[in-house]
Protein backbone atom coordinates (compact mmCIF):
# COMPACT_ATOMS: atom_id res chain seq x y z
CA MET A 1 -57.12 68.07 -196.23
CA PRO A 2 -59.99 66.42 -196.35
CA LEU A 3 -59.58 62.34 -196.00
CA THR A 4 -61.60 61.88 -199.32
CA ARG A 5 -57.52 63.10 -200.48
CA LEU A 6 -55.39 60.64 -198.49
CA PRO A 7 -55.75 57.66 -200.53
CA ALA A 8 -53.96 59.93 -203.47
CA LEU A 9 -51.34 61.27 -201.16
CA PHE A 10 -50.55 57.60 -200.01
CA ILE A 11 -49.77 56.45 -203.35
CA LEU A 12 -47.54 59.83 -203.34
CA VAL A 13 -45.85 59.26 -201.16
CA SER A 14 -45.84 55.90 -201.42
CA GLY A 15 -44.18 56.60 -204.74
CA LEU A 16 -41.27 58.64 -203.79
CA PHE A 17 -40.67 56.66 -200.62
CA GLY A 18 -40.36 53.47 -203.54
CA LEU A 19 -37.81 56.50 -205.56
CA ALA A 20 -35.72 56.70 -202.33
CA GLY A 21 -35.35 53.15 -201.24
CA VAL A 22 -34.36 51.99 -204.56
CA ALA A 23 -31.63 55.44 -204.83
CA LEU A 24 -30.67 54.56 -201.06
CA ALA A 25 -29.74 51.04 -201.61
CA ALA A 26 -27.67 52.12 -204.54
CA ALA A 27 -26.10 54.97 -202.37
CA ALA A 28 -25.37 51.87 -199.91
CA ALA A 29 -23.90 49.51 -202.33
CA HIS A 30 -21.45 52.09 -203.58
CA GLY A 31 -20.70 53.72 -200.47
CA THR A 32 -18.31 52.87 -197.99
CA ASP A 33 -20.88 52.38 -194.96
CA ALA A 34 -23.92 51.02 -196.24
CA ARG A 35 -25.42 50.45 -192.63
CA LEU A 36 -27.37 53.37 -192.62
CA LEU A 37 -28.68 53.79 -195.69
CA GLY A 38 -29.03 50.53 -196.02
CA GLY A 39 -31.80 50.44 -192.81
CA ALA A 40 -33.70 53.85 -194.53
CA SER A 41 -33.73 51.80 -197.77
CA ALA A 42 -35.45 48.96 -196.44
CA MET A 43 -38.22 51.07 -194.41
CA CYS A 44 -39.01 53.10 -197.26
CA LEU A 45 -39.35 50.16 -199.70
CA ALA A 46 -41.00 47.71 -197.04
CA HIS A 47 -43.44 50.63 -196.26
CA ALA A 48 -43.86 51.90 -199.71
CA PRO A 49 -46.41 48.81 -201.03
CA ALA A 50 -48.36 48.92 -197.45
CA LEU A 51 -49.08 52.51 -198.23
CA ILE A 52 -50.88 51.39 -201.90
CA GLY A 53 -52.62 48.56 -199.81
CA LEU A 54 -53.79 51.29 -197.21
CA ALA A 55 -54.71 53.71 -200.22
CA LEU A 56 -57.03 51.03 -201.70
CA ALA A 57 -58.76 50.34 -198.36
CA CYS A 58 -59.49 53.63 -197.22
CA ASP A 59 -63.18 53.07 -198.64
CA ARG A 60 -63.46 49.73 -196.65
CA LEU A 61 -60.87 50.01 -193.43
CA ARG A 62 -61.94 52.66 -191.37
CA LEU A 63 -58.82 53.12 -189.38
CA ALA A 64 -57.17 52.87 -192.76
CA TRP A 65 -56.11 56.74 -192.39
CA LEU A 66 -54.69 56.87 -189.40
CA ALA A 67 -52.51 53.80 -190.38
CA GLY A 68 -51.16 55.45 -193.30
CA THR A 69 -50.63 58.79 -191.50
CA ALA A 70 -48.49 56.62 -188.88
CA LEU A 71 -46.62 54.57 -191.41
CA ALA A 72 -45.97 57.71 -193.85
CA LEU A 73 -44.67 59.98 -190.64
CA GLY A 74 -42.82 57.57 -188.99
CA THR A 75 -40.54 55.94 -192.11
CA SER A 76 -40.03 59.42 -193.19
CA VAL A 77 -38.80 60.18 -189.42
CA PHE A 78 -37.02 56.92 -189.48
CA ALA A 79 -34.93 56.86 -192.85
CA GLY A 80 -34.79 60.91 -192.47
CA ASP A 81 -32.89 60.59 -189.36
CA LEU A 82 -30.46 57.72 -190.72
CA VAL A 83 -29.65 59.39 -193.64
CA LEU A 84 -28.98 63.00 -192.04
CA ARG A 85 -26.89 60.97 -189.53
CA HIS A 86 -24.74 59.33 -192.88
CA PHE A 87 -24.24 62.03 -194.90
CA SER A 88 -23.90 64.70 -191.84
CA GLY A 89 -22.77 62.82 -188.68
CA HIS A 90 -26.14 64.07 -186.64
CA GLY A 91 -29.69 62.94 -186.83
CA LEU A 92 -32.79 64.89 -187.01
CA PHE A 93 -33.94 65.31 -183.38
CA PRO A 94 -32.75 63.78 -180.50
CA MET A 95 -34.64 60.02 -179.91
CA SER A 96 -35.82 60.14 -183.71
CA ALA A 97 -35.22 57.50 -185.30
CA PRO A 98 -36.55 54.84 -182.39
CA THR A 99 -40.06 57.81 -182.22
CA GLY A 100 -39.87 57.21 -186.13
CA GLY A 101 -39.82 53.42 -185.21
CA VAL A 102 -42.45 53.70 -182.73
CA LEU A 103 -44.58 55.56 -185.28
CA MET A 104 -44.24 52.57 -188.05
CA MET A 105 -45.17 49.80 -185.60
CA ALA A 106 -48.29 52.16 -184.32
CA GLY A 107 -48.73 52.01 -188.12
CA TRP A 108 -49.08 48.33 -188.31
CA LEU A 109 -50.51 47.67 -184.85
CA ILE A 110 -53.57 50.72 -186.26
CA THR A 111 -53.64 48.50 -189.43
CA ALA A 112 -54.45 45.50 -187.54
CA LEU A 113 -57.18 46.98 -185.03
CA GLY A 114 -58.76 48.33 -188.63
CA GLY A 115 -58.93 44.49 -189.18
CA VAL A 116 -60.56 43.34 -186.53
CA LEU A 117 -62.84 46.16 -186.13
CA ALA A 118 -63.59 45.25 -190.09
CA LEU A 119 -63.93 41.31 -188.73
CA LEU A 120 -66.90 42.69 -186.44
CA ASP A 121 -68.48 44.60 -188.73
CA ALA A 122 -68.84 42.29 -190.89
CA ARG A 123 -70.21 39.62 -188.38
CA ASP A 124 -73.53 41.79 -188.14
């Protein structure tokens, strides 16, 4: 996929994360065990606006595409694992929630690195 389509893809994924986050919060509020669904909801709702921000910054932040990709994949794997555990009793694959968590942390670190690079570029 060309990098020029990534901002639109990030907006699409952001909308899906927002939808999933609200739906999961509702399910958690009406279910017997809110722990897993609540965690999945929180991650979706936290990363949806981040993806919008990265989509808007794609032309100014060199690493926005990489940060957004890491955040989108990490959130999908992490939340997907928690939701699957809640409804089926087993996860996506062994260590999938921690893998998703590491990807999300990497996405935030890459975002910070992109900011450092932008600051260095602005000095010149």
